[in-house]
Protein backbone atom coordinates (compact mmCIF):
# COMPACT_ATOMS: atom_id res chain seq x y z
CA MET A 1 -5.72 9.73 7.78
CA ASP A 2 -2.78 8.50 9.66
CA TYR A 3 -1.66 5.36 10.67
CA GLU A 4 -3.45 5.54 14.22
CA GLU A 5 -6.79 6.05 12.36
CA MET A 6 -6.28 3.24 10.11
CA ARG A 7 -5.44 0.90 13.04
CA ARG A 8 -8.53 1.61 14.67
CA ASP A 9 -11.14 1.60 12.24
CA GLN A 10 -9.71 -1.07 10.33
CA GLY A 11 -8.84 -3.00 13.60
CA LEU A 12 -5.17 -3.31 12.86
CA LYS A 13 -3.07 -5.10 15.80
CA GLY A 14 0.39 -3.85 14.52
CA GLN A 15 2.06 -0.61 15.38
CA PHE A 16 3.36 1.37 12.66
CA ALA A 17 7.02 0.44 12.75
CA ASP A 18 5.76 -3.30 11.66
CA TYR A 19 3.34 -1.30 8.88
CA LEU A 20 6.04 -1.77 6.36
CA THR A 21 6.51 -5.57 7.39
CA MET A 22 2.84 -6.43 6.81
CA LEU A 23 2.91 -4.88 3.51
CA VAL A 24 5.54 -6.75 2.54
CA LYS A 25 4.39 -9.96 3.71
CA PHE A 26 0.69 -8.79 1.71
CA PHE A 27 2.95 -8.41 -1.10
CA ASN A 28 4.84 -11.69 -0.67
CA ALA A 29 1.44 -14.00 -0.01
CA MET A 30 0.18 -12.63 -3.41
CA ILE A 31 3.07 -13.23 -5.06
CA LEU A 32 3.10 -17.30 -3.69
CA GLU A 33 -0.31 -17.54 -3.47
CA PRO A 34 -2.40 -15.01 -6.45
CA ASP A 35 -5.57 -17.63 -6.85
CA VAL A 36 -5.76 -16.73 -2.40
CA TYR A 37 -4.70 -13.12 -1.95
CA TYR A 38 -5.08 -10.24 -4.70
CA LEU A 39 -4.80 -6.55 -4.74
CA HIS A 40 -7.83 -3.99 -5.35
CA MET A 41 -7.28 -0.87 -6.31
CA VAL A 42 -9.98 1.73 -7.05
CA PHE A 43 -9.12 5.44 -8.50
CA ASN A 44 -11.29 7.76 -7.33
CA GLU A 45 -13.23 11.08 -9.45
CA ASN A 46 -11.46 13.57 -5.97
CA ASN A 47 -7.94 12.17 -7.23
CA THR A 48 -7.70 9.88 -4.29
CA ALA A 49 -7.31 6.01 -4.85
CA ASP A 50 -8.15 3.16 -2.54
CA LEU A 51 -5.54 -0.21 -2.27
CA LYS A 52 -7.28 -2.88 -0.52
CA PHE A 53 -5.23 -6.42 -0.11
CA LYS A 54 -7.91 -9.14 0.11
CA LYS A 55 -8.41 -12.71 0.04
CA ARG A 56 -10.42 -14.99 -1.09
CA PHE A 57 -12.39 -17.56 0.82
CA ASP A 58 -14.59 -20.76 -0.77
CA PHE A 59 -18.04 -18.79 1.00
CA LYS A 60 -16.83 -14.74 0.47
CA LYS A 61 -13.58 -12.09 -0.07
CA VAL A 62 -12.24 -10.21 2.91
CA VAL A 63 -10.39 -7.19 2.56
CA LEU A 64 -7.11 -7.49 4.91
CA LEU A 65 -5.86 -4.13 4.61
CA LYS A 66 -7.44 -0.90 3.03
CA ALA A 67 -5.11 1.92 2.55
CA MET A 68 -6.24 5.62 0.72
CA PHE A 69 -4.04 7.53 -1.32
CA ASP A 70 -4.13 11.39 -3.07
CA VAL A 71 -3.19 12.17 -6.01
CA GLU A 72 0.40 14.51 -5.63
CA SER A 73 1.07 17.66 -8.24
CA GLU A 74 3.53 16.24 -11.08
CA SER A 75 6.45 18.91 -9.64
CA VAL A 76 6.22 16.84 -6.09
CA VAL A 77 6.74 13.65 -8.35
CA LYS A 78 9.54 14.78 -10.25
CA LEU A 79 10.97 16.15 -6.94
CA HIS A 80 10.94 12.63 -5.36
CA ILE A 81 12.24 10.85 -8.70
CA ARG A 82 14.93 13.14 -9.05
CA HIS A 83 16.00 12.64 -5.07
CA ARG A 84 15.96 9.00 -5.83
CA HIS A 85 18.02 9.12 -8.83
CA ASN A 86 20.83 11.10 -7.01
CA ILE A 87 20.49 8.38 -4.54
CA ALA A 88 21.32 5.81 -6.73
CA LYS A 89 23.92 7.54 -8.75
CA LEU A 90 25.74 8.30 -5.13
CA GLU A 91 25.51 4.86 -4.24
CA MET A 92 27.19 3.39 -7.72
CA GLU A 93 30.00 5.58 -7.19
């Protein structure tokens, strides 16, 4: 699922350029108000995962954002780790 589909399905108002800012705001809200905002992640049998940012109200819980993830192969994960490690080494020189 791409961002446009997620935006349409969930009624999101922001553009893709604002997506990272929105995620940071959700994470900060969870840190500052853990009794109100929380994260729920479900691992599915088909090697996908659903990540839900939720908000508690007195009368119900509301999903603010739902993101779906696919599991990558171990070789792809290792490639990303190696790349990030090399960048960090270069920055420290």
